[in-house]
N, C-alpha and C. Protein backbone atom coordinates (compact mmCIF):
# COMPACT_ATOMS: atom_id res chain seq x y z
N MET A 1 -13.88 -35.22 -1.19
CA MET A 1 -12.63 -34.54 -1.46
C MET A 1 -12.60 -34.10 -2.91
N ALA A 2 -12.13 -32.88 -3.15
CA ALA A 2 -12.06 -32.33 -4.50
C ALA A 2 -10.96 -33.01 -5.30
N THR A 3 -11.19 -33.18 -6.60
CA THR A 3 -10.17 -33.73 -7.48
C THR A 3 -9.09 -32.69 -7.68
N ASP A 4 -7.86 -33.04 -7.46
CA ASP A 4 -6.75 -32.12 -7.62
C ASP A 4 -6.20 -32.24 -9.03
N TRP A 5 -6.56 -31.28 -9.89
CA TRP A 5 -6.11 -31.30 -11.28
C TRP A 5 -4.68 -30.79 -11.41
N TRP A 6 -4.14 -30.21 -10.36
CA TRP A 6 -2.77 -29.72 -10.35
C TRP A 6 -2.03 -30.33 -9.15
N PRO A 7 -1.82 -31.65 -9.13
CA PRO A 7 -1.23 -32.30 -7.96
C PRO A 7 0.21 -31.90 -7.69
N ASP A 8 0.91 -31.45 -8.71
CA ASP A 8 2.32 -31.07 -8.54
C ASP A 8 2.50 -29.59 -8.28
N GLN A 9 1.40 -28.86 -8.18
CA GLN A 9 1.51 -27.42 -7.99
C GLN A 9 0.69 -27.00 -6.79
N ASP A 10 1.30 -26.22 -5.91
CA ASP A 10 0.61 -25.64 -4.77
C ASP A 10 0.58 -24.13 -4.94
N GLY A 11 -0.34 -23.50 -4.24
CA GLY A 11 -0.39 -22.04 -4.26
C GLY A 11 -0.99 -21.50 -5.54
N ARG A 12 -0.29 -20.53 -6.11
CA ARG A 12 -0.80 -19.81 -7.28
C ARG A 12 -0.88 -20.72 -8.49
N ILE A 13 -2.05 -20.73 -9.13
CA ILE A 13 -2.26 -21.51 -10.35
C ILE A 13 -2.26 -20.57 -11.55
N VAL A 14 -3.07 -19.51 -11.50
CA VAL A 14 -3.13 -18.51 -12.56
C VAL A 14 -3.05 -17.13 -11.93
N ASP A 15 -2.17 -16.32 -12.46
CA ASP A 15 -1.98 -14.97 -11.96
C ASP A 15 -2.94 -14.02 -12.63
N GLY A 16 -3.54 -13.14 -11.85
CA GLY A 16 -4.42 -12.12 -12.40
C GLY A 16 -3.87 -10.75 -12.08
N CYS A 17 -3.70 -10.46 -10.81
CA CYS A 17 -3.13 -9.18 -10.37
C CYS A 17 -2.26 -9.45 -9.14
N THR A 18 -0.97 -9.41 -9.35
CA THR A 18 -0.02 -9.58 -8.26
C THR A 18 0.77 -8.29 -8.11
N VAL A 19 0.83 -7.77 -6.89
CA VAL A 19 1.66 -6.61 -6.60
C VAL A 19 2.94 -7.15 -5.98
N GLY A 20 4.05 -6.95 -6.64
CA GLY A 20 5.30 -7.57 -6.23
C GLY A 20 6.12 -6.79 -5.22
N PHE A 21 5.67 -5.62 -4.84
CA PHE A 21 6.49 -4.77 -3.98
C PHE A 21 5.80 -4.37 -2.68
N CYS A 22 4.91 -5.21 -2.16
CA CYS A 22 4.29 -4.90 -0.87
C CYS A 22 5.36 -4.93 0.22
N TYR A 23 5.21 -4.08 1.19
CA TYR A 23 6.14 -3.93 2.30
C TYR A 23 5.75 -4.89 3.42
N ALA A 24 6.65 -5.78 3.81
CA ALA A 24 6.36 -6.74 4.88
C ALA A 24 6.35 -6.03 6.22
N ASP A 25 5.20 -6.01 6.85
CA ASP A 25 5.03 -5.38 8.15
C ASP A 25 5.35 -6.36 9.27
N SER A 26 5.59 -7.62 8.91
CA SER A 26 5.79 -8.68 9.89
C SER A 26 6.63 -9.80 9.28
N THR A 27 7.39 -10.47 10.11
CA THR A 27 8.13 -11.64 9.63
C THR A 27 7.33 -12.92 9.86
N SER A 28 6.11 -12.80 10.36
CA SER A 28 5.25 -13.96 10.59
C SER A 28 4.50 -14.39 9.34
N ILE A 29 4.59 -13.61 8.27
CA ILE A 29 3.92 -13.94 7.01
C ILE A 29 4.58 -15.17 6.41
N THR A 30 3.75 -16.13 5.97
CA THR A 30 4.28 -17.31 5.28
C THR A 30 3.72 -17.34 3.86
N ALA A 31 4.36 -18.11 3.01
CA ALA A 31 3.91 -18.24 1.62
C ALA A 31 2.52 -18.87 1.58
N ASN A 32 1.69 -18.41 0.67
CA ASN A 32 0.32 -18.89 0.46
C ASN A 32 -0.59 -18.64 1.66
N GLN A 33 -0.31 -17.58 2.40
CA GLN A 33 -1.11 -17.22 3.57
C GLN A 33 -1.83 -15.90 3.29
N ALA A 34 -3.05 -15.78 3.81
CA ALA A 34 -3.80 -14.53 3.65
C ALA A 34 -3.12 -13.41 4.42
N VAL A 35 -3.12 -12.21 3.82
CA VAL A 35 -2.56 -11.03 4.46
C VAL A 35 -3.61 -9.93 4.49
N LYS A 36 -3.42 -9.00 5.43
CA LYS A 36 -4.28 -7.83 5.52
C LYS A 36 -3.41 -6.59 5.41
N VAL A 37 -4.04 -5.44 5.35
CA VAL A 37 -3.31 -4.18 5.26
C VAL A 37 -2.54 -3.95 6.54
N GLY A 38 -1.27 -3.61 6.41
CA GLY A 38 -0.42 -3.32 7.57
C GLY A 38 -0.51 -1.85 7.93
N THR A 39 0.33 -1.43 8.87
CA THR A 39 0.23 -0.04 9.35
C THR A 39 1.55 0.71 9.42
N SER A 40 2.67 0.06 9.23
CA SER A 40 3.92 0.71 9.61
C SER A 40 4.59 1.55 8.55
N ALA A 41 4.26 1.42 7.29
CA ALA A 41 5.04 2.07 6.25
C ALA A 41 4.29 3.21 5.58
N SER A 42 4.69 4.44 5.87
CA SER A 42 4.08 5.59 5.24
C SER A 42 4.46 5.63 3.76
N GLY A 43 3.45 5.76 2.91
CA GLY A 43 3.73 5.83 1.48
C GLY A 43 4.01 4.49 0.82
N ARG A 44 3.82 3.40 1.55
CA ARG A 44 4.05 2.06 1.00
C ARG A 44 2.81 1.21 1.21
N LEU A 45 2.69 0.17 0.41
CA LEU A 45 1.59 -0.78 0.59
C LEU A 45 2.07 -1.85 1.57
N ALA A 46 1.79 -1.63 2.86
CA ALA A 46 2.24 -2.54 3.90
C ALA A 46 1.23 -3.65 4.11
N VAL A 47 1.73 -4.89 4.31
CA VAL A 47 0.87 -6.04 4.60
C VAL A 47 1.39 -6.78 5.82
N THR A 48 0.46 -7.41 6.52
CA THR A 48 0.81 -8.22 7.68
C THR A 48 -0.10 -9.44 7.71
N VAL A 49 0.11 -10.33 8.65
CA VAL A 49 -0.65 -11.57 8.74
C VAL A 49 -2.14 -11.30 8.96
N ALA A 50 -2.99 -11.98 8.21
CA ALA A 50 -4.43 -11.91 8.42
C ALA A 50 -4.78 -12.94 9.48
N ALA A 51 -4.81 -12.53 10.73
CA ALA A 51 -4.96 -13.47 11.84
C ALA A 51 -6.40 -13.71 12.24
N ALA A 52 -7.28 -12.75 12.01
CA ALA A 52 -8.69 -12.91 12.39
C ALA A 52 -9.50 -13.38 11.20
N CYS A 53 -10.55 -14.10 11.46
CA CYS A 53 -11.42 -14.61 10.41
C CYS A 53 -11.97 -13.45 9.58
N GLY A 54 -11.71 -13.46 8.28
CA GLY A 54 -12.27 -12.48 7.38
C GLY A 54 -11.52 -11.19 7.20
N ASP A 55 -10.30 -11.05 7.73
CA ASP A 55 -9.61 -9.78 7.54
C ASP A 55 -8.59 -9.81 6.40
N GLY A 56 -8.53 -10.91 5.65
CA GLY A 56 -7.58 -11.02 4.54
C GLY A 56 -8.04 -10.29 3.29
N ILE A 57 -7.08 -9.66 2.59
CA ILE A 57 -7.38 -8.97 1.34
C ILE A 57 -6.63 -9.57 0.15
N GLY A 58 -5.66 -10.43 0.42
CA GLY A 58 -4.86 -11.05 -0.63
C GLY A 58 -4.05 -12.20 -0.06
N ILE A 59 -3.26 -12.83 -0.93
CA ILE A 59 -2.45 -13.98 -0.53
C ILE A 59 -0.97 -13.68 -0.78
N ALA A 60 -0.16 -13.79 0.27
CA ALA A 60 1.28 -13.61 0.13
C ALA A 60 1.86 -14.79 -0.65
N LEU A 61 2.74 -14.51 -1.59
CA LEU A 61 3.31 -15.57 -2.41
C LEU A 61 4.68 -16.02 -1.93
N LYS A 62 5.25 -15.30 -0.97
CA LYS A 62 6.50 -15.74 -0.35
C LYS A 62 6.61 -15.16 1.05
N ALA A 63 7.48 -15.72 1.84
CA ALA A 63 7.69 -15.26 3.21
C ALA A 63 8.84 -14.26 3.23
N PRO A 64 8.69 -13.15 3.96
CA PRO A 64 9.80 -12.21 4.09
C PRO A 64 10.82 -12.72 5.09
N VAL A 65 12.06 -12.31 4.93
CA VAL A 65 13.10 -12.65 5.89
C VAL A 65 13.12 -11.62 7.01
N ALA A 66 12.86 -10.36 6.66
CA ALA A 66 12.89 -9.27 7.64
C ALA A 66 11.76 -8.29 7.38
N VAL A 67 11.39 -7.54 8.40
CA VAL A 67 10.41 -6.47 8.23
C VAL A 67 10.97 -5.50 7.20
N GLY A 68 10.12 -5.09 6.27
CA GLY A 68 10.54 -4.17 5.22
C GLY A 68 10.89 -4.85 3.91
N ASP A 69 11.03 -6.17 3.92
CA ASP A 69 11.29 -6.90 2.68
C ASP A 69 10.10 -6.78 1.74
N PRO A 70 10.36 -6.78 0.42
CA PRO A 70 9.23 -6.80 -0.50
C PRO A 70 8.59 -8.19 -0.53
N VAL A 71 7.25 -8.21 -0.55
CA VAL A 71 6.51 -9.47 -0.59
C VAL A 71 5.50 -9.37 -1.73
N PRO A 72 5.55 -10.30 -2.69
CA PRO A 72 4.51 -10.30 -3.73
C PRO A 72 3.19 -10.81 -3.15
N VAL A 73 2.12 -10.09 -3.45
CA VAL A 73 0.79 -10.45 -2.95
C VAL A 73 -0.17 -10.58 -4.12
N LEU A 74 -0.87 -11.71 -4.18
CA LEU A 74 -1.88 -11.95 -5.20
C LEU A 74 -3.19 -11.35 -4.71
N PHE A 75 -3.67 -10.32 -5.41
CA PHE A 75 -4.94 -9.69 -5.06
C PHE A 75 -6.08 -10.23 -5.92
N TYR A 76 -5.73 -10.80 -7.07
CA TYR A 76 -6.73 -11.39 -7.94
C TYR A 76 -6.07 -12.50 -8.75
N GLY A 77 -6.68 -13.67 -8.75
CA GLY A 77 -6.14 -14.79 -9.50
C GLY A 77 -6.68 -16.10 -8.97
N LEU A 78 -6.13 -17.18 -9.46
CA LEU A 78 -6.56 -18.52 -9.08
C LEU A 78 -5.52 -19.16 -8.19
N MET A 79 -5.94 -19.54 -6.98
CA MET A 79 -5.03 -20.13 -5.99
C MET A 79 -5.57 -21.48 -5.52
N LYS A 80 -4.66 -22.37 -5.19
CA LYS A 80 -5.03 -23.61 -4.50
C LYS A 80 -4.85 -23.32 -3.01
N LEU A 81 -5.96 -23.37 -2.26
CA LEU A 81 -5.94 -23.07 -0.83
C LEU A 81 -6.55 -24.23 -0.05
N THR A 82 -6.28 -24.26 1.23
CA THR A 82 -6.75 -25.34 2.11
C THR A 82 -8.02 -24.95 2.83
N ALA A 83 -9.01 -25.84 2.81
CA ALA A 83 -10.24 -25.63 3.57
C ALA A 83 -9.92 -25.91 5.04
N CYS A 84 -10.57 -25.19 5.94
CA CYS A 84 -10.24 -25.36 7.35
C CYS A 84 -11.40 -24.95 8.23
N TYR A 85 -11.20 -25.15 9.52
CA TYR A 85 -12.15 -24.68 10.50
C TYR A 85 -12.07 -23.17 10.56
N GLY A 86 -13.21 -22.53 10.70
CA GLY A 86 -13.22 -21.08 10.72
C GLY A 86 -13.41 -20.50 12.11
N GLY A 87 -13.24 -21.28 13.13
CA GLY A 87 -13.45 -20.76 14.47
C GLY A 87 -14.91 -20.91 14.87
N ALA A 88 -15.42 -19.99 15.66
CA ALA A 88 -16.77 -20.11 16.19
C ALA A 88 -17.85 -20.05 15.12
N ALA A 89 -17.60 -19.29 14.05
CA ALA A 89 -18.64 -19.10 13.03
C ALA A 89 -18.81 -20.30 12.12
N ALA A 90 -17.77 -21.10 11.95
CA ALA A 90 -17.86 -22.28 11.07
C ALA A 90 -17.29 -23.47 11.81
N THR A 91 -18.02 -24.57 11.79
CA THR A 91 -17.58 -25.71 12.59
C THR A 91 -17.07 -26.89 11.77
N THR A 92 -17.11 -26.79 10.44
CA THR A 92 -16.57 -27.87 9.62
C THR A 92 -15.75 -27.31 8.49
N GLY A 93 -15.05 -28.16 7.78
CA GLY A 93 -14.26 -27.73 6.64
C GLY A 93 -15.05 -27.77 5.35
N LYS A 94 -16.35 -28.05 5.41
CA LYS A 94 -17.15 -28.19 4.20
C LYS A 94 -17.35 -26.84 3.52
N ILE A 95 -17.05 -26.83 2.23
CA ILE A 95 -17.25 -25.64 1.41
C ILE A 95 -17.92 -26.10 0.12
N SER A 96 -18.99 -25.44 -0.26
CA SER A 96 -19.70 -25.79 -1.48
C SER A 96 -19.14 -25.02 -2.66
N ILE A 97 -19.09 -25.68 -3.82
CA ILE A 97 -18.65 -25.00 -5.03
C ILE A 97 -19.54 -23.78 -5.27
N GLY A 98 -18.93 -22.67 -5.62
CA GLY A 98 -19.68 -21.45 -5.88
C GLY A 98 -19.96 -20.60 -4.67
N SER A 99 -19.52 -21.05 -3.49
CA SER A 99 -19.78 -20.24 -2.29
C SER A 99 -18.63 -19.29 -2.03
N PHE A 100 -18.95 -18.18 -1.38
CA PHE A 100 -17.92 -17.23 -1.00
C PHE A 100 -17.10 -17.80 0.15
N VAL A 101 -15.81 -17.48 0.17
CA VAL A 101 -14.95 -17.90 1.26
C VAL A 101 -14.19 -16.69 1.80
N MET A 102 -13.75 -16.80 3.02
CA MET A 102 -12.88 -15.79 3.62
C MET A 102 -11.77 -16.51 4.35
N ASN A 103 -10.72 -15.79 4.69
CA ASN A 103 -9.64 -16.45 5.41
C ASN A 103 -10.11 -16.84 6.79
N SER A 104 -9.54 -17.91 7.30
CA SER A 104 -9.88 -18.40 8.62
C SER A 104 -8.95 -17.78 9.66
N ALA A 105 -9.36 -17.83 10.90
CA ALA A 105 -8.50 -17.39 11.99
C ALA A 105 -7.40 -18.41 12.24
N VAL A 106 -7.54 -19.60 11.70
CA VAL A 106 -6.55 -20.67 11.90
C VAL A 106 -5.55 -20.65 10.75
N ALA A 107 -5.94 -21.12 9.59
CA ALA A 107 -5.13 -21.10 8.37
C ALA A 107 -6.01 -21.62 7.25
N GLY A 108 -5.87 -21.08 6.07
CA GLY A 108 -6.69 -21.53 4.97
C GLY A 108 -7.95 -20.71 4.82
N VAL A 109 -8.97 -21.30 4.18
CA VAL A 109 -10.21 -20.59 3.93
C VAL A 109 -11.40 -21.32 4.54
N CYS A 110 -12.41 -20.56 4.92
CA CYS A 110 -13.64 -21.13 5.45
C CYS A 110 -14.80 -20.39 4.82
N GLY A 111 -15.98 -20.87 5.00
CA GLY A 111 -17.13 -20.15 4.50
C GLY A 111 -18.28 -21.02 4.05
N GLY A 112 -18.02 -22.20 3.54
CA GLY A 112 -19.09 -23.02 3.02
C GLY A 112 -20.10 -23.43 4.06
N SER A 113 -19.69 -23.61 5.31
CA SER A 113 -20.62 -24.04 6.34
C SER A 113 -21.26 -22.85 7.05
N MET A 114 -20.84 -21.65 6.72
CA MET A 114 -21.47 -20.47 7.30
C MET A 114 -22.74 -20.17 6.54
N ALA A 115 -23.74 -19.72 7.21
CA ALA A 115 -24.97 -19.29 6.54
C ALA A 115 -24.65 -18.05 5.71
N GLU A 116 -25.33 -17.88 4.58
CA GLU A 116 -25.11 -16.71 3.73
C GLU A 116 -25.32 -15.42 4.52
N THR A 117 -26.29 -15.41 5.42
CA THR A 117 -26.55 -14.20 6.20
C THR A 117 -25.37 -13.89 7.11
N THR A 118 -24.71 -14.92 7.63
CA THR A 118 -23.52 -14.70 8.46
C THR A 118 -22.41 -14.08 7.64
N LEU A 119 -22.17 -14.63 6.44
CA LEU A 119 -21.13 -14.08 5.56
C LEU A 119 -21.45 -12.64 5.19
N GLN A 120 -22.70 -12.36 4.84
CA GLN A 120 -23.08 -11.01 4.45
C GLN A 120 -22.90 -10.05 5.62
N SER A 121 -23.27 -10.50 6.81
CA SER A 121 -23.13 -9.67 7.99
C SER A 121 -21.66 -9.39 8.29
N LEU A 122 -20.81 -10.42 8.17
CA LEU A 122 -19.38 -10.23 8.39
C LEU A 122 -18.79 -9.30 7.34
N ALA A 123 -19.20 -9.48 6.08
CA ALA A 123 -18.64 -8.67 5.01
C ALA A 123 -19.05 -7.21 5.12
N CYS A 124 -20.15 -6.92 5.79
CA CYS A 124 -20.58 -5.54 5.97
C CYS A 124 -19.86 -4.88 7.14
N GLY A 125 -19.22 -5.67 7.98
CA GLY A 125 -18.49 -5.12 9.11
C GLY A 125 -17.02 -4.96 8.77
N ALA A 126 -16.17 -5.55 9.55
CA ALA A 126 -14.73 -5.41 9.35
C ALA A 126 -14.14 -6.61 8.62
N SER A 127 -14.98 -7.49 8.06
CA SER A 127 -14.48 -8.68 7.38
C SER A 127 -14.69 -8.56 5.88
N TYR A 128 -13.87 -9.31 5.13
CA TYR A 128 -13.89 -9.25 3.69
C TYR A 128 -14.01 -10.65 3.11
N ILE A 129 -14.80 -10.76 2.04
CA ILE A 129 -14.85 -12.01 1.31
C ILE A 129 -13.57 -12.10 0.50
N LEU A 130 -12.82 -13.17 0.69
CA LEU A 130 -11.52 -13.32 0.03
C LEU A 130 -11.66 -13.83 -1.40
N GLY A 131 -12.68 -14.65 -1.64
CA GLY A 131 -12.82 -15.20 -2.98
C GLY A 131 -14.04 -16.08 -3.13
N LEU A 132 -14.05 -16.82 -4.23
CA LEU A 132 -15.16 -17.69 -4.59
C LEU A 132 -14.62 -19.10 -4.79
N ALA A 133 -15.21 -20.07 -4.11
CA ALA A 133 -14.76 -21.46 -4.23
C ALA A 133 -15.13 -22.02 -5.60
N LEU A 134 -14.16 -22.54 -6.32
CA LEU A 134 -14.39 -23.14 -7.63
C LEU A 134 -14.47 -24.66 -7.54
N GLN A 135 -14.24 -25.20 -6.35
CA GLN A 135 -14.39 -26.62 -6.07
C GLN A 135 -15.01 -26.77 -4.69
N SER A 136 -15.59 -27.92 -4.44
CA SER A 136 -16.15 -28.20 -3.12
C SER A 136 -15.09 -28.87 -2.24
N ALA A 137 -15.18 -28.63 -0.95
CA ALA A 137 -14.34 -29.32 0.03
C ALA A 137 -15.26 -30.07 0.97
N THR A 138 -14.94 -31.31 1.24
CA THR A 138 -15.79 -32.10 2.12
C THR A 138 -15.21 -32.25 3.51
N ALA A 139 -13.96 -31.87 3.68
CA ALA A 139 -13.31 -32.01 4.99
C ALA A 139 -12.22 -30.96 5.15
N THR A 140 -11.92 -30.67 6.40
CA THR A 140 -10.80 -29.80 6.70
C THR A 140 -9.54 -30.40 6.10
N SER A 141 -8.69 -29.59 5.55
CA SER A 141 -7.42 -29.92 4.91
C SER A 141 -7.56 -30.31 3.44
N ASP A 142 -8.79 -30.33 2.88
CA ASP A 142 -8.93 -30.49 1.43
C ASP A 142 -8.35 -29.26 0.76
N GLU A 143 -7.63 -29.46 -0.34
CA GLU A 143 -7.14 -28.35 -1.13
C GLU A 143 -8.12 -28.08 -2.26
N ILE A 144 -8.54 -26.83 -2.40
CA ILE A 144 -9.51 -26.47 -3.43
C ILE A 144 -9.02 -25.24 -4.19
N LEU A 145 -9.55 -25.06 -5.38
CA LEU A 145 -9.25 -23.86 -6.16
C LEU A 145 -10.18 -22.74 -5.74
N VAL A 146 -9.61 -21.57 -5.54
CA VAL A 146 -10.36 -20.39 -5.13
C VAL A 146 -10.03 -19.25 -6.07
N LEU A 147 -11.06 -18.60 -6.59
CA LEU A 147 -10.86 -17.38 -7.37
C LEU A 147 -10.73 -16.24 -6.37
N VAL A 148 -9.50 -15.84 -6.11
CA VAL A 148 -9.22 -14.78 -5.15
C VAL A 148 -9.57 -13.43 -5.80
N GLY A 149 -10.23 -12.58 -5.06
CA GLY A 149 -10.49 -11.25 -5.55
C GLY A 149 -11.93 -10.81 -5.51
N LYS A 150 -12.84 -11.67 -5.10
CA LYS A 150 -14.25 -11.29 -4.99
C LYS A 150 -14.46 -10.70 -3.61
N THR A 151 -13.86 -9.58 -3.34
CA THR A 151 -13.96 -8.97 -2.01
C THR A 151 -15.17 -8.05 -1.94
N ALA A 152 -15.69 -7.91 -0.74
CA ALA A 152 -16.84 -7.03 -0.53
C ALA A 152 -16.41 -5.80 0.23
């Protein structure tokens, strides 16, 4: 288990690039959850829940009450995120320090147990690398620091 140097703080640790006026395309978005590009708002930066493994581009910092509410999204910065199962491609919560991670289809981030070739293959398709693990996770539900923004 990673040492938690910020035990009293969850979510955003250091802000790098946060867009505070993203358009909520869904009310299913929760705080500290990966989001992907939405589709409903012409001329707006719409975001919705990143439900499939690897489709996240940023982290929502709050939950909207209604569709159309502004949602701040961290596109680059330091976040405390939860390691998790990644579905069929990853079978454990283990993540090595320095490895790329992507959002999971469940919740949190996965990637350390995926082979590098799997990550590269996913990143070349419709999936995106969400960030870089700055701590190791030894089990699902470990909270680790992730440098969000190393997308491919």
